[in-house]
Amino acid sequence: NFAPHGRNSATRSRSLIEKWWTEEP
């Protein structure tokens, strides 16, 4: 649900990283 493209969904966006790990710590 967060990384539908697997490793190609990786990001350096701080806001998106915060969102992901806030929703699934």
PDBML (XML) file of the C-alpha atoms, coordinates in Angstrom:
<?xml version="1.0" encoding="UTF-8" ?>
<PDBx:datablock datablockName="MODEL"
   xmlns:PDBx="http://pdbml.pdb.org/schema/pdbx-v50.xsd"
   xmlns:xsi="http://www.w3.org/2001/XMLSchema-instance"
   xsi:schemaLocation="http://pdbml.pdb.org/schema/pdbx-v50.xsd pdbx-v50.xsd">
   <PDBx:atom_siteCategory>
      <PDBx:atom_site id="1">
         <PDBx:B_iso_or_equiv>0.00</PDBx:B_iso_or_equiv>
         <PDBx:Cartn_x>0.000</PDBx:Cartn_x>
         <PDBx:Cartn_y>0.000</PDBx:Cartn_y>
         <PDBx:Cartn_z>0.000</PDBx:Cartn_z>
         <PDBx:auth_asym_id>A</PDBx:auth_asym_id>
         <PDBx:auth_atom_id>CA</PDBx:auth_atom_id>
         <PDBx:auth_comp_id>ASN</PDBx:auth_comp_id>
         <PDBx:auth_seq_id>1</PDBx:auth_seq_id>
         <PDBx:group_PDB>ATOM</PDBx:group_PDB>
         <PDBx:label_alt_id xsi:nil="true" />
         <PDBx:label_asym_id>A</PDBx:label_asym_id>
         <PDBx:label_atom_id>CA</PDBx:label_atom_id>
         <PDBx:label_comp_id>ASN</PDBx:label_comp_id>
         <PDBx:label_entity_id>1</PDBx:label_entity_id>
         <PDBx:label_seq_id>1</PDBx:label_seq_id>
         <PDBx:occupancy>1.00</PDBx:occupancy>
         <PDBx:pdbx_PDB_model_num>1</PDBx:pdbx_PDB_model_num>
         <PDBx:type_symbol>C</PDBx:type_symbol>
      </PDBx:atom_site>
      <PDBx:atom_site id="2">
         <PDBx:B_iso_or_equiv>0.00</PDBx:B_iso_or_equiv>
         <PDBx:Cartn_x>2.929</PDBx:Cartn_x>
         <PDBx:Cartn_y>2.364</PDBx:Cartn_y>
         <PDBx:Cartn_z>0.597</PDBx:Cartn_z>
         <PDBx:auth_asym_id>A</PDBx:auth_asym_id>
         <PDBx:auth_atom_id>CA</PDBx:auth_atom_id>
         <PDBx:auth_comp_id>PHE</PDBx:auth_comp_id>
         <PDBx:auth_seq_id>2</PDBx:auth_seq_id>
         <PDBx:group_PDB>ATOM</PDBx:group_PDB>
         <PDBx:label_alt_id xsi:nil="true" />
         <PDBx:label_asym_id>A</PDBx:label_asym_id>
         <PDBx:label_atom_id>CA</PDBx:label_atom_id>
         <PDBx:label_comp_id>PHE</PDBx:label_comp_id>
         <PDBx:label_entity_id>1</PDBx:label_entity_id>
         <PDBx:label_seq_id>2</PDBx:label_seq_id>
         <PDBx:occupancy>1.00</PDBx:occupancy>
         <PDBx:pdbx_PDB_model_num>1</PDBx:pdbx_PDB_model_num>
         <PDBx:type_symbol>C</PDBx:type_symbol>
      </PDBx:atom_site>
      <PDBx:atom_site id="3">
         <PDBx:B_iso_or_equiv>0.00</PDBx:B_iso_or_equiv>
         <PDBx:Cartn_x>5.456</PDBx:Cartn_x>
         <PDBx:Cartn_y>0.941</PDBx:Cartn_y>
         <PDBx:Cartn_z>-1.879</PDBx:Cartn_z>
         <PDBx:auth_asym_id>A</PDBx:auth_asym_id>
         <PDBx:auth_atom_id>CA</PDBx:auth_atom_id>
         <PDBx:auth_comp_id>ALA</PDBx:auth_comp_id>
         <PDBx:auth_seq_id>3</PDBx:auth_seq_id>
         <PDBx:group_PDB>ATOM</PDBx:group_PDB>
         <PDBx:label_alt_id xsi:nil="true" />
         <PDBx:label_asym_id>A</PDBx:label_asym_id>
         <PDBx:label_atom_id>CA</PDBx:label_atom_id>
         <PDBx:label_comp_id>ALA</PDBx:label_comp_id>
         <PDBx:label_entity_id>1</PDBx:label_entity_id>
         <PDBx:label_seq_id>3</PDBx:label_seq_id>
         <PDBx:occupancy>1.00</PDBx:occupancy>
         <PDBx:pdbx_PDB_model_num>1</PDBx:pdbx_PDB_model_num>
         <PDBx:type_symbol>C</PDBx:type_symbol>
      </PDBx:atom_site>
      <PDBx:atom_site id="4">
         <PDBx:B_iso_or_equiv>0.00</PDBx:B_iso_or_equiv>
         <PDBx:Cartn_x>3.423</PDBx:Cartn_x>
         <PDBx:Cartn_y>-0.478</PDBx:Cartn_y>
         <PDBx:Cartn_z>-4.784</PDBx:Cartn_z>
         <PDBx:auth_asym_id>A</PDBx:auth_asym_id>
         <PDBx:auth_atom_id>CA</PDBx:auth_atom_id>
         <PDBx:auth_comp_id>PRO</PDBx:auth_comp_id>
         <PDBx:auth_seq_id>4</PDBx:auth_seq_id>
         <PDBx:group_PDB>ATOM</PDBx:group_PDB>
         <PDBx:label_alt_id xsi:nil="true" />
         <PDBx:label_asym_id>A</PDBx:label_asym_id>
         <PDBx:label_atom_id>CA</PDBx:label_atom_id>
         <PDBx:label_comp_id>PRO</PDBx:label_comp_id>
         <PDBx:label_entity_id>1</PDBx:label_entity_id>
         <PDBx:label_seq_id>4</PDBx:label_seq_id>
         <PDBx:occupancy>1.00</PDBx:occupancy>
         <PDBx:pdbx_PDB_model_num>1</PDBx:pdbx_PDB_model_num>
         <PDBx:type_symbol>C</PDBx:type_symbol>
      </PDBx:atom_site>
      <PDBx:atom_site id="5">
         <PDBx:B_iso_or_equiv>0.00</PDBx:B_iso_or_equiv>
         <PDBx:Cartn_x>6.504</PDBx:Cartn_x>
         <PDBx:Cartn_y>-0.481</PDBx:Cartn_y>
         <PDBx:Cartn_z>-7.019</PDBx:Cartn_z>
         <PDBx:auth_asym_id>A</PDBx:auth_asym_id>
         <PDBx:auth_atom_id>CA</PDBx:auth_atom_id>
         <PDBx:auth_comp_id>HIS</PDBx:auth_comp_id>
         <PDBx:auth_seq_id>5</PDBx:auth_seq_id>
         <PDBx:group_PDB>ATOM</PDBx:group_PDB>
         <PDBx:label_alt_id xsi:nil="true" />
         <PDBx:label_asym_id>A</PDBx:label_asym_id>
         <PDBx:label_atom_id>CA</PDBx:label_atom_id>
         <PDBx:label_comp_id>HIS</PDBx:label_comp_id>
         <PDBx:label_entity_id>1</PDBx:label_entity_id>
         <PDBx:label_seq_id>5</PDBx:label_seq_id>
         <PDBx:occupancy>1.00</PDBx:occupancy>
         <PDBx:pdbx_PDB_model_num>1</PDBx:pdbx_PDB_model_num>
         <PDBx:type_symbol>C</PDBx:type_symbol>
      </PDBx:atom_site>
      <PDBx:atom_site id="6">
         <PDBx:B_iso_or_equiv>0.00</PDBx:B_iso_or_equiv>
         <PDBx:Cartn_x>8.765</PDBx:Cartn_x>
         <PDBx:Cartn_y>-2.139</PDBx:Cartn_y>
         <PDBx:Cartn_z>-4.471</PDBx:Cartn_z>
         <PDBx:auth_asym_id>A</PDBx:auth_asym_id>
         <PDBx:auth_atom_id>CA</PDBx:auth_atom_id>
         <PDBx:auth_comp_id>GLY</PDBx:auth_comp_id>
         <PDBx:auth_seq_id>6</PDBx:auth_seq_id>
         <PDBx:group_PDB>ATOM</PDBx:group_PDB>
         <PDBx:label_alt_id xsi:nil="true" />
         <PDBx:label_asym_id>A</PDBx:label_asym_id>
         <PDBx:label_atom_id>CA</PDBx:label_atom_id>
         <PDBx:label_comp_id>GLY</PDBx:label_comp_id>
         <PDBx:label_entity_id>1</PDBx:label_entity_id>
         <PDBx:label_seq_id>6</PDBx:label_seq_id>
         <PDBx:occupancy>1.00</PDBx:occupancy>
         <PDBx:pdbx_PDB_model_num>1</PDBx:pdbx_PDB_model_num>
         <PDBx:type_symbol>C</PDBx:type_symbol>
      </PDBx:atom_site>
      <PDBx:atom_site id="7">
         <PDBx:B_iso_or_equiv>0.00</PDBx:B_iso_or_equiv>
         <PDBx:Cartn_x>12.267</PDBx:Cartn_x>
         <PDBx:Cartn_y>-0.696</PDBx:Cartn_y>
         <PDBx:Cartn_z>-4.320</PDBx:Cartn_z>
         <PDBx:auth_asym_id>A</PDBx:auth_asym_id>
         <PDBx:auth_atom_id>CA</PDBx:auth_atom_id>
         <PDBx:auth_comp_id>ARG</PDBx:auth_comp_id>
         <PDBx:auth_seq_id>7</PDBx:auth_seq_id>
         <PDBx:group_PDB>ATOM</PDBx:group_PDB>
         <PDBx:label_alt_id xsi:nil="true" />
         <PDBx:label_asym_id>A</PDBx:label_asym_id>
         <PDBx:label_atom_id>CA</PDBx:label_atom_id>
         <PDBx:label_comp_id>ARG</PDBx:label_comp_id>
         <PDBx:label_entity_id>1</PDBx:label_entity_id>
         <PDBx:label_seq_id>7</PDBx:label_seq_id>
         <PDBx:occupancy>1.00</PDBx:occupancy>
         <PDBx:pdbx_PDB_model_num>1</PDBx:pdbx_PDB_model_num>
         <PDBx:type_symbol>C</PDBx:type_symbol>
      </PDBx:atom_site>
      <PDBx:atom_site id="8">
         <PDBx:B_iso_or_equiv>0.00</PDBx:B_iso_or_equiv>
         <PDBx:Cartn_x>11.335</PDBx:Cartn_x>
         <PDBx:Cartn_y>1.730</PDBx:Cartn_y>
         <PDBx:Cartn_z>-7.098</PDBx:Cartn_z>
         <PDBx:auth_asym_id>A</PDBx:auth_asym_id>
         <PDBx:auth_atom_id>CA</PDBx:auth_atom_id>
         <PDBx:auth_comp_id>ASN</PDBx:auth_comp_id>
         <PDBx:auth_seq_id>8</PDBx:auth_seq_id>
         <PDBx:group_PDB>ATOM</PDBx:group_PDB>
         <PDBx:label_alt_id xsi:nil="true" />
         <PDBx:label_asym_id>A</PDBx:label_asym_id>
         <PDBx:label_atom_id>CA</PDBx:label_atom_id>
         <PDBx:label_comp_id>ASN</PDBx:label_comp_id>
         <PDBx:label_entity_id>1</PDBx:label_entity_id>
         <PDBx:label_seq_id>8</PDBx:label_seq_id>
         <PDBx:occupancy>1.00</PDBx:occupancy>
         <PDBx:pdbx_PDB_model_num>1</PDBx:pdbx_PDB_model_num>
         <PDBx:type_symbol>C</PDBx:type_symbol>
      </PDBx:atom_site>
      <PDBx:atom_site id="9">
         <PDBx:B_iso_or_equiv>0.00</PDBx:B_iso_or_equiv>
         <PDBx:Cartn_x>8.979</PDBx:Cartn_x>
         <PDBx:Cartn_y>3.426</PDBx:Cartn_y>
         <PDBx:Cartn_z>-4.636</PDBx:Cartn_z>
         <PDBx:auth_asym_id>A</PDBx:auth_asym_id>
         <PDBx:auth_atom_id>CA</PDBx:auth_atom_id>
         <PDBx:auth_comp_id>SER</PDBx:auth_comp_id>
         <PDBx:auth_seq_id>9</PDBx:auth_seq_id>
         <PDBx:group_PDB>ATOM</PDBx:group_PDB>
         <PDBx:label_alt_id xsi:nil="true" />
         <PDBx:label_asym_id>A</PDBx:label_asym_id>
         <PDBx:label_atom_id>CA</PDBx:label_atom_id>
         <PDBx:label_comp_id>SER</PDBx:label_comp_id>
         <PDBx:label_entity_id>1</PDBx:label_entity_id>
         <PDBx:label_seq_id>9</PDBx:label_seq_id>
         <PDBx:occupancy>1.00</PDBx:occupancy>
         <PDBx:pdbx_PDB_model_num>1</PDBx:pdbx_PDB_model_num>
         <PDBx:type_symbol>C</PDBx:type_symbol>
      </PDBx:atom_site>
      <PDBx:atom_site id="10">
         <PDBx:B_iso_or_equiv>0.00</PDBx:B_iso_or_equiv>
         <PDBx:Cartn_x>11.971</PDBx:Cartn_x>
         <PDBx:Cartn_y>4.520</PDBx:Cartn_y>
         <PDBx:Cartn_z>-2.542</PDBx:Cartn_z>
         <PDBx:auth_asym_id>A</PDBx:auth_asym_id>
         <PDBx:auth_atom_id>CA</PDBx:auth_atom_id>
         <PDBx:auth_comp_id>ALA</PDBx:auth_comp_id>
         <PDBx:auth_seq_id>10</PDBx:auth_seq_id>
         <PDBx:group_PDB>ATOM</PDBx:group_PDB>
         <PDBx:label_alt_id xsi:nil="true" />
         <PDBx:label_asym_id>A</PDBx:label_asym_id>
         <PDBx:label_atom_id>CA</PDBx:label_atom_id>
         <PDBx:label_comp_id>ALA</PDBx:label_comp_id>
         <PDBx:label_entity_id>1</PDBx:label_entity_id>
         <PDBx:label_seq_id>10</PDBx:label_seq_id>
         <PDBx:occupancy>1.00</PDBx:occupancy>
         <PDBx:pdbx_PDB_model_num>1</PDBx:pdbx_PDB_model_num>
         <PDBx:type_symbol>C</PDBx:type_symbol>
      </PDBx:atom_site>
      <PDBx:atom_site id="11">
         <PDBx:B_iso_or_equiv>0.00</PDBx:B_iso_or_equiv>
         <PDBx:Cartn_x>12.130</PDBx:Cartn_x>
         <PDBx:Cartn_y>8.236</PDBx:Cartn_y>
         <PDBx:Cartn_z>-1.840</PDBx:Cartn_z>
         <PDBx:auth_asym_id>A</PDBx:auth_asym_id>
         <PDBx:auth_atom_id>CA</PDBx:auth_atom_id>
         <PDBx:auth_comp_id>THR</PDBx:auth_comp_id>
         <PDBx:auth_seq_id>11</PDBx:auth_seq_id>
         <PDBx:group_PDB>ATOM</PDBx:group_PDB>
         <PDBx:label_alt_id xsi:nil="true" />
         <PDBx:label_asym_id>A</PDBx:label_asym_id>
         <PDBx:label_atom_id>CA</PDBx:label_atom_id>
         <PDBx:label_comp_id>THR</PDBx:label_comp_id>
         <PDBx:label_entity_id>1</PDBx:label_entity_id>
         <PDBx:label_seq_id>11</PDBx:label_seq_id>
         <PDBx:occupancy>1.00</PDBx:occupancy>
         <PDBx:pdbx_PDB_model_num>1</PDBx:pdbx_PDB_model_num>
         <PDBx:type_symbol>C</PDBx:type_symbol>
      </PDBx:atom_site>
      <PDBx:atom_site id="12">
         <PDBx:B_iso_or_equiv>0.00</PDBx:B_iso_or_equiv>
         <PDBx:Cartn_x>14.200</PDBx:Cartn_x>
         <PDBx:Cartn_y>10.940</PDBx:Cartn_y>
         <PDBx:Cartn_z>-0.189</PDBx:Cartn_z>
         <PDBx:auth_asym_id>A</PDBx:auth_asym_id>
         <PDBx:auth_atom_id>CA</PDBx:auth_atom_id>
         <PDBx:auth_comp_id>ARG</PDBx:auth_comp_id>
         <PDBx:auth_seq_id>12</PDBx:auth_seq_id>
         <PDBx:group_PDB>ATOM</PDBx:group_PDB>
         <PDBx:label_alt_id xsi:nil="true" />
         <PDBx:label_asym_id>A</PDBx:label_asym_id>
         <PDBx:label_atom_id>CA</PDBx:label_atom_id>
         <PDBx:label_comp_id>ARG</PDBx:label_comp_id>
         <PDBx:label_entity_id>1</PDBx:label_entity_id>
         <PDBx:label_seq_id>12</PDBx:label_seq_id>
         <PDBx:occupancy>1.00</PDBx:occupancy>
         <PDBx:pdbx_PDB_model_num>1</PDBx:pdbx_PDB_model_num>
         <PDBx:type_symbol>C</PDBx:type_symbol>
      </PDBx:atom_site>
      <PDBx:atom_site id="13">
         <PDBx:B_iso_or_equiv>0.00</PDBx:B_iso_or_equiv>
         <PDBx:Cartn_x>11.078</PDBx:Cartn_x>
         <PDBx:Cartn_y>13.000</PDBx:Cartn_y>
         <PDBx:Cartn_z>0.514</PDBx:Cartn_z>
         <PDBx:auth_asym_id>A</PDBx:auth_asym_id>
         <PDBx:auth_atom_id>CA</PDBx:auth_atom_id>
         <PDBx:auth_comp_id>SER</PDBx:auth_comp_id>
         <PDBx:auth_seq_id>13</PDBx:auth_seq_id>
         <PDBx:group_PDB>ATOM</PDBx:group_PDB>
         <PDBx:label_alt_id xsi:nil="true" />
         <PDBx:label_asym_id>A</PDBx:label_asym_id>
         <PDBx:label_atom_id>CA</PDBx:label_atom_id>
         <PDBx:label_comp_id>SER</PDBx:label_comp_id>
         <PDBx:label_entity_id>1</PDBx:label_entity_id>
         <PDBx:label_seq_id>13</PDBx:label_seq_id>
         <PDBx:occupancy>1.00</PDBx:occupancy>
         <PDBx:pdbx_PDB_model_num>1</PDBx:pdbx_PDB_model_num>
         <PDBx:type_symbol>C</PDBx:type_symbol>
      </PDBx:atom_site>
      <PDBx:atom_site id="14">
         <PDBx:B_iso_or_equiv>0.00</PDBx:B_iso_or_equiv>
         <PDBx:Cartn_x>11.151</PDBx:Cartn_x>
         <PDBx:Cartn_y>13.688</PDBx:Cartn_y>
         <PDBx:Cartn_z>4.250</PDBx:Cartn_z>
         <PDBx:auth_asym_id>A</PDBx:auth_asym_id>
         <PDBx:auth_atom_id>CA</PDBx:auth_atom_id>
         <PDBx:auth_comp_id>ARG</PDBx:auth_comp_id>
         <PDBx:auth_seq_id>14</PDBx:auth_seq_id>
         <PDBx:group_PDB>ATOM</PDBx:group_PDB>
         <PDBx:label_alt_id xsi:nil="true" />
         <PDBx:label_asym_id>A</PDBx:label_asym_id>
         <PDBx:label_atom_id>CA</PDBx:label_atom_id>
         <PDBx:label_comp_id>ARG</PDBx:label_comp_id>
         <PDBx:label_entity_id>1</PDBx:label_entity_id>
         <PDBx:label_seq_id>14</PDBx:label_seq_id>
         <PDBx:occupancy>1.00</PDBx:occupancy>
         <PDBx:pdbx_PDB_model_num>1</PDBx:pdbx_PDB_model_num>
         <PDBx:type_symbol>C</PDBx:type_symbol>
      </PDBx:atom_site>
      <PDBx:atom_site id="15">
         <PDBx:B_iso_or_equiv>0.00</PDBx:B_iso_or_equiv>
         <PDBx:Cartn_x>7.437</PDBx:Cartn_x>
         <PDBx:Cartn_y>14.418</PDBx:Cartn_y>
         <PDBx:Cartn_z>4.388</PDBx:Cartn_z>
         <PDBx:auth_asym_id>A</PDBx:auth_asym_id>
         <PDBx:auth_atom_id>CA</PDBx:auth_atom_id>
         <PDBx:auth_comp_id>SER</PDBx:auth_comp_id>
         <PDBx:auth_seq_id>15</PDBx:auth_seq_id>
         <PDBx:group_PDB>ATOM</PDBx:group_PDB>
         <PDBx:label_alt_id xsi:nil="true" />
         <PDBx:label_asym_id>A</PDBx:label_asym_id>
         <PDBx:label_atom_id>CA</PDBx:label_atom_id>
         <PDBx:label_comp_id>SER</PDBx:label_comp_id>
         <PDBx:label_entity_id>1</PDBx:label_entity_id>
         <PDBx:label_seq_id>15</PDBx:label_seq_id>
         <PDBx:occupancy>1.00</PDBx:occupancy>
         <PDBx:pdbx_PDB_model_num>1</PDBx:pdbx_PDB_model_num>
         <PDBx:type_symbol>C</PDBx:type_symbol>
      </PDBx:atom_site>
      <PDBx:atom_site id="16">
         <PDBx:B_iso_or_equiv>0.00</PDBx:B_iso_or_equiv>
         <PDBx:Cartn_x>6.536</PDBx:Cartn_x>
         <PDBx:Cartn_y>11.137</PDBx:Cartn_y>
         <PDBx:Cartn_z>2.690</PDBx:Cartn_z>
         <PDBx:auth_asym_id>A</PDBx:auth_asym_id>
         <PDBx:auth_atom_id>CA</PDBx:auth_atom_id>
         <PDBx:auth_comp_id>LEU</PDBx:auth_comp_id>
         <PDBx:auth_seq_id>16</PDBx:auth_seq_id>
         <PDBx:group_PDB>ATOM</PDBx:group_PDB>
         <PDBx:label_alt_id xsi:nil="true" />
         <PDBx:label_asym_id>A</PDBx:label_asym_id>
         <PDBx:label_atom_id>CA</PDBx:label_atom_id>
         <PDBx:label_comp_id>LEU</PDBx:label_comp_id>
         <PDBx:label_entity_id>1</PDBx:label_entity_id>
         <PDBx:label_seq_id>16</PDBx:label_seq_id>
         <PDBx:occupancy>1.00</PDBx:occupancy>
         <PDBx:pdbx_PDB_model_num>1</PDBx:pdbx_PDB_model_num>
         <PDBx:type_symbol>C</PDBx:type_symbol>
      </PDBx:atom_site>
      <PDBx:atom_site id="17">
         <PDBx:B_iso_or_equiv>0.00</PDBx:B_iso_or_equiv>
         <PDBx:Cartn_x>8.898</PDBx:Cartn_x>
         <PDBx:Cartn_y>9.156</PDBx:Cartn_y>
         <PDBx:Cartn_z>4.921</PDBx:Cartn_z>
         <PDBx:auth_asym_id>A</PDBx:auth_asym_id>
         <PDBx:auth_atom_id>CA</PDBx:auth_atom_id>
         <PDBx:auth_comp_id>ILE</PDBx:auth_comp_id>
         <PDBx:auth_seq_id>17</PDBx:auth_seq_id>
         <PDBx:group_PDB>ATOM</PDBx:group_PDB>
         <PDBx:label_alt_id xsi:nil="true" />
         <PDBx:label_asym_id>A</PDBx:label_asym_id>
         <PDBx:label_atom_id>CA</PDBx:label_atom_id>
         <PDBx:label_comp_id>ILE</PDBx:label_comp_id>
         <PDBx:label_entity_id>1</PDBx:label_entity_id>
         <PDBx:label_seq_id>17</PDBx:label_seq_id>
         <PDBx:occupancy>1.00</PDBx:occupancy>
         <PDBx:pdbx_PDB_model_num>1</PDBx:pdbx_PDB_model_num>
         <PDBx:type_symbol>C</PDBx:type_symbol>
      </PDBx:atom_site>
      <PDBx:atom_site id="18">
         <PDBx:B_iso_or_equiv>0.00</PDBx:B_iso_or_equiv>
         <PDBx:Cartn_x>7.331</PDBx:Cartn_x>
         <PDBx:Cartn_y>10.770</PDBx:Cartn_y>
         <PDBx:Cartn_z>7.990</PDBx:Cartn_z>
         <PDBx:auth_asym_id>A</PDBx:auth_asym_id>
         <PDBx:auth_atom_id>CA</PDBx:auth_atom_id>
         <PDBx:auth_comp_id>GLU</PDBx:auth_comp_id>
         <PDBx:auth_seq_id>18</PDBx:auth_seq_id>
         <PDBx:group_PDB>ATOM</PDBx:group_PDB>
         <PDBx:label_alt_id xsi:nil="true" />
         <PDBx:label_asym_id>A</PDBx:label_asym_id>
         <PDBx:label_atom_id>CA</PDBx:label_atom_id>
         <PDBx:label_comp_id>GLU</PDBx:label_comp_id>
         <PDBx:label_entity_id>1</PDBx:label_entity_id>
         <PDBx:label_seq_id>18</PDBx:label_seq_id>
         <PDBx:occupancy>1.00</PDBx:occupancy>
         <PDBx:pdbx_PDB_model_num>1</PDBx:pdbx_PDB_model_num>
         <PDBx:type_symbol>C</PDBx:type_symbol>
      </PDBx:atom_site>
      <PDBx:atom_site id="19">
         <PDBx:B_iso_or_equiv>0.00</PDBx:B_iso_or_equiv>
         <PDBx:Cartn_x>3.870</PDBx:Cartn_x>
         <PDBx:Cartn_y>9.905</PDBx:Cartn_y>
         <PDBx:Cartn_z>6.674</PDBx:Cartn_z>
         <PDBx:auth_asym_id>A</PDBx:auth_asym_id>
         <PDBx:auth_atom_id>CA</PDBx:auth_atom_id>
         <PDBx:auth_comp_id>LYS</PDBx:auth_comp_id>
         <PDBx:auth_seq_id>19</PDBx:auth_seq_id>
         <PDBx:group_PDB>ATOM</PDBx:group_PDB>
         <PDBx:label_alt_id xsi:nil="true" />
         <PDBx:label_asym_id>A</PDBx:label_asym_id>
         <PDBx:label_atom_id>CA</PDBx:label_atom_id>
         <PDBx:label_comp_id>LYS</PDBx:label_comp_id>
         <PDBx:label_entity_id>1</PDBx:label_entity_id>
         <PDBx:label_seq_id>19</PDBx:label_seq_id>
         <PDBx:occupancy>1.00</PDBx:occupancy>
         <PDBx:pdbx_PDB_model_num>1</PDBx:pdbx_PDB_model_num>
         <PDBx:type_symbol>C</PDBx:type_symbol>
      </PDBx:atom_site>
      <PDBx:atom_site id="20">
         <PDBx:B_iso_or_equiv>0.00</PDBx:B_iso_or_equiv>
         <PDBx:Cartn_x>4.762</PDBx:Cartn_x>
         <PDBx:Cartn_y>6.275</PDBx:Cartn_y>
         <PDBx:Cartn_z>5.995</PDBx:Cartn_z>
         <PDBx:auth_asym_id>A</PDBx:auth_asym_id>
         <PDBx:auth_atom_id>CA</PDBx:auth_atom_id>
         <PDBx:auth_comp_id>TRP</PDBx:auth_comp_id>
         <PDBx:auth_seq_id>20</PDBx:auth_seq_id>
         <PDBx:group_PDB>ATOM</PDBx:group_PDB>
         <PDBx:label_alt_id xsi:nil="true" />
         <PDBx:label_asym_id>A</PDBx:label_asym_id>
         <PDBx:label_atom_id>CA</PDBx:label_atom_id>
         <PDBx:label_comp_id>TRP</PDBx:label_comp_id>
         <PDBx:label_entity_id>1</PDBx:label_entity_id>
         <PDBx:label_seq_id>20</PDBx:label_seq_id>
         <PDBx:occupancy>1.00</PDBx:occupancy>
         <PDBx:pdbx_PDB_model_num>1</PDBx:pdbx_PDB_model_num>
         <PDBx:type_symbol>C</PDBx:type_symbol>
      </PDBx:atom_site>
      <PDBx:atom_site id="21">
         <PDBx:B_iso_or_equiv>0.00</PDBx:B_iso_or_equiv>
         <PDBx:Cartn_x>6.323</PDBx:Cartn_x>
         <PDBx:Cartn_y>5.580</PDBx:Cartn_y>
         <PDBx:Cartn_z>9.392</PDBx:Cartn_z>
         <PDBx:auth_asym_id>A</PDBx:auth_asym_id>
         <PDBx:auth_atom_id>CA</PDBx:auth_atom_id>
         <PDBx:auth_comp_id>TRP</PDBx:auth_comp_id>
         <PDBx:auth_seq_id>21</PDBx:auth_seq_id>
         <PDBx:group_PDB>ATOM</PDBx:group_PDB>
         <PDBx:label_alt_id xsi:nil="true" />
         <PDBx:label_asym_id>A</PDBx:label_asym_id>
         <PDBx:label_atom_id>CA</PDBx:label_atom_id>
         <PDBx:label_comp_id>TRP</PDBx:label_comp_id>
         <PDBx:label_entity_id>1</PDBx:label_entity_id>
         <PDBx:label_seq_id>21</PDBx:label_seq_id>
         <PDBx:occupancy>1.00</PDBx:occupancy>
         <PDBx:pdbx_PDB_model_num>1</PDBx:pdbx_PDB_model_num>
         <PDBx:type_symbol>C</PDBx:type_symbol>
      </PDBx:atom_site>
      <PDBx:atom_site id="22">
         <PDBx:B_iso_or_equiv>0.00</PDBx:B_iso_or_equiv>
         <PDBx:Cartn_x>3.725</PDBx:Cartn_x>
         <PDBx:Cartn_y>7.591</PDBx:Cartn_y>
         <PDBx:Cartn_z>11.280</PDBx:Cartn_z>
         <PDBx:auth_asym_id>A</PDBx:auth_asym_id>
         <PDBx:auth_atom_id>CA</PDBx:auth_atom_id>
         <PDBx:auth_comp_id>THR</PDBx:auth_comp_id>
         <PDBx:auth_seq_id>22</PDBx:auth_seq_id>
         <PDBx:group_PDB>ATOM</PDBx:group_PDB>
         <PDBx:label_alt_id xsi:nil="true" />
         <PDBx:label_asym_id>A</PDBx:label_asym_id>
         <PDBx:label_atom_id>CA</PDBx:label_atom_id>
         <PDBx:label_comp_id>THR</PDBx:label_comp_id>
         <PDBx:label_entity_id>1</PDBx:label_entity_id>
         <PDBx:label_seq_id>22</PDBx:label_seq_id>
         <PDBx:occupancy>1.00</PDBx:occupancy>
         <PDBx:pdbx_PDB_model_num>1</PDBx:pdbx_PDB_model_num>
         <PDBx:type_symbol>C</PDBx:type_symbol>
      </PDBx:atom_site>
      <PDBx:atom_site id="23">
         <PDBx:B_iso_or_equiv>0.00</PDBx:B_iso_or_equiv>
         <PDBx:Cartn_x>1.014</PDBx:Cartn_x>
         <PDBx:Cartn_y>5.390</PDBx:Cartn_y>
         <PDBx:Cartn_z>9.795</PDBx:Cartn_z>
         <PDBx:auth_asym_id>A</PDBx:auth_asym_id>
         <PDBx:auth_atom_id>CA</PDBx:auth_atom_id>
         <PDBx:auth_comp_id>GLU</PDBx:auth_comp_id>
         <PDBx:auth_seq_id>23</PDBx:auth_seq_id>
         <PDBx:group_PDB>ATOM</PDBx:group_PDB>
         <PDBx:label_alt_id xsi:nil="true" />
         <PDBx:label_asym_id>A</PDBx:label_asym_id>
         <PDBx:label_atom_id>CA</PDBx:label_atom_id>
         <PDBx:label_comp_id>GLU</PDBx:label_comp_id>
         <PDBx:label_entity_id>1</PDBx:label_entity_id>
         <PDBx:label_seq_id>23</PDBx:label_seq_id>
         <PDBx:occupancy>1.00</PDBx:occupancy>
         <PDBx:pdbx_PDB_model_num>1</PDBx:pdbx_PDB_model_num>
         <PDBx:type_symbol>C</PDBx:type_symbol>
      </PDBx:atom_site>
      <PDBx:atom_site id="24">
         <PDBx:B_iso_or_equiv>0.00</PDBx:B_iso_or_equiv>
         <PDBx:Cartn_x>3.047</PDBx:Cartn_x>
         <PDBx:Cartn_y>2.178</PDBx:Cartn_y>
         <PDBx:Cartn_z>10.285</PDBx:Cartn_z>
         <PDBx:auth_asym_id>A</PDBx:auth_asym_id>
         <PDBx:auth_atom_id>CA</PDBx:auth_atom_id>
         <PDBx:auth_comp_id>GLU</PDBx:auth_comp_id>
         <PDBx:auth_seq_id>24</PDBx:auth_seq_id>
         <PDBx:group_PDB>ATOM</PDBx:group_PDB>
         <PDBx:label_alt_id xsi:nil="true" />
         <PDBx:label_asym_id>A</PDBx:label_asym_id>
         <PDBx:label_atom_id>CA</PDBx:label_atom_id>
         <PDBx:label_comp_id>GLU</PDBx:label_comp_id>
         <PDBx:label_entity_id>1</PDBx:label_entity_id>
         <PDBx:label_seq_id>24</PDBx:label_seq_id>
         <PDBx:occupancy>1.00</PDBx:occupancy>
         <PDBx:pdbx_PDB_model_num>1</PDBx:pdbx_PDB_model_num>
         <PDBx:type_symbol>C</PDBx:type_symbol>
      </PDBx:atom_site>
      <PDBx:atom_site id="25">
         <PDBx:B_iso_or_equiv>0.00</PDBx:B_iso_or_equiv>
         <PDBx:Cartn_x>5.702</PDBx:Cartn_x>
         <PDBx:Cartn_y>2.698</PDBx:Cartn_y>
         <PDBx:Cartn_z>12.995</PDBx:Cartn_z>
         <PDBx:auth_asym_id>A</PDBx:auth_asym_id>
         <PDBx:auth_atom_id>CA</PDBx:auth_atom_id>
         <PDBx:auth_comp_id>PRO</PDBx:auth_comp_id>
         <PDBx:auth_seq_id>25</PDBx:auth_seq_id>
         <PDBx:group_PDB>ATOM</PDBx:group_PDB>
         <PDBx:label_alt_id xsi:nil="true" />
         <PDBx:label_asym_id>A</PDBx:label_asym_id>
         <PDBx:label_atom_id>CA</PDBx:label_atom_id>
         <PDBx:label_comp_id>PRO</PDBx:label_comp_id>
         <PDBx:label_entity_id>1</PDBx:label_entity_id>
         <PDBx:label_seq_id>25</PDBx:label_seq_id>
         <PDBx:occupancy>1.00</PDBx:occupancy>
         <PDBx:pdbx_PDB_model_num>1</PDBx:pdbx_PDB_model_num>
         <PDBx:type_symbol>C</PDBx:type_symbol>
      </PDBx:atom_site>
   </PDBx:atom_siteCategory>
</PDBx:datablock>
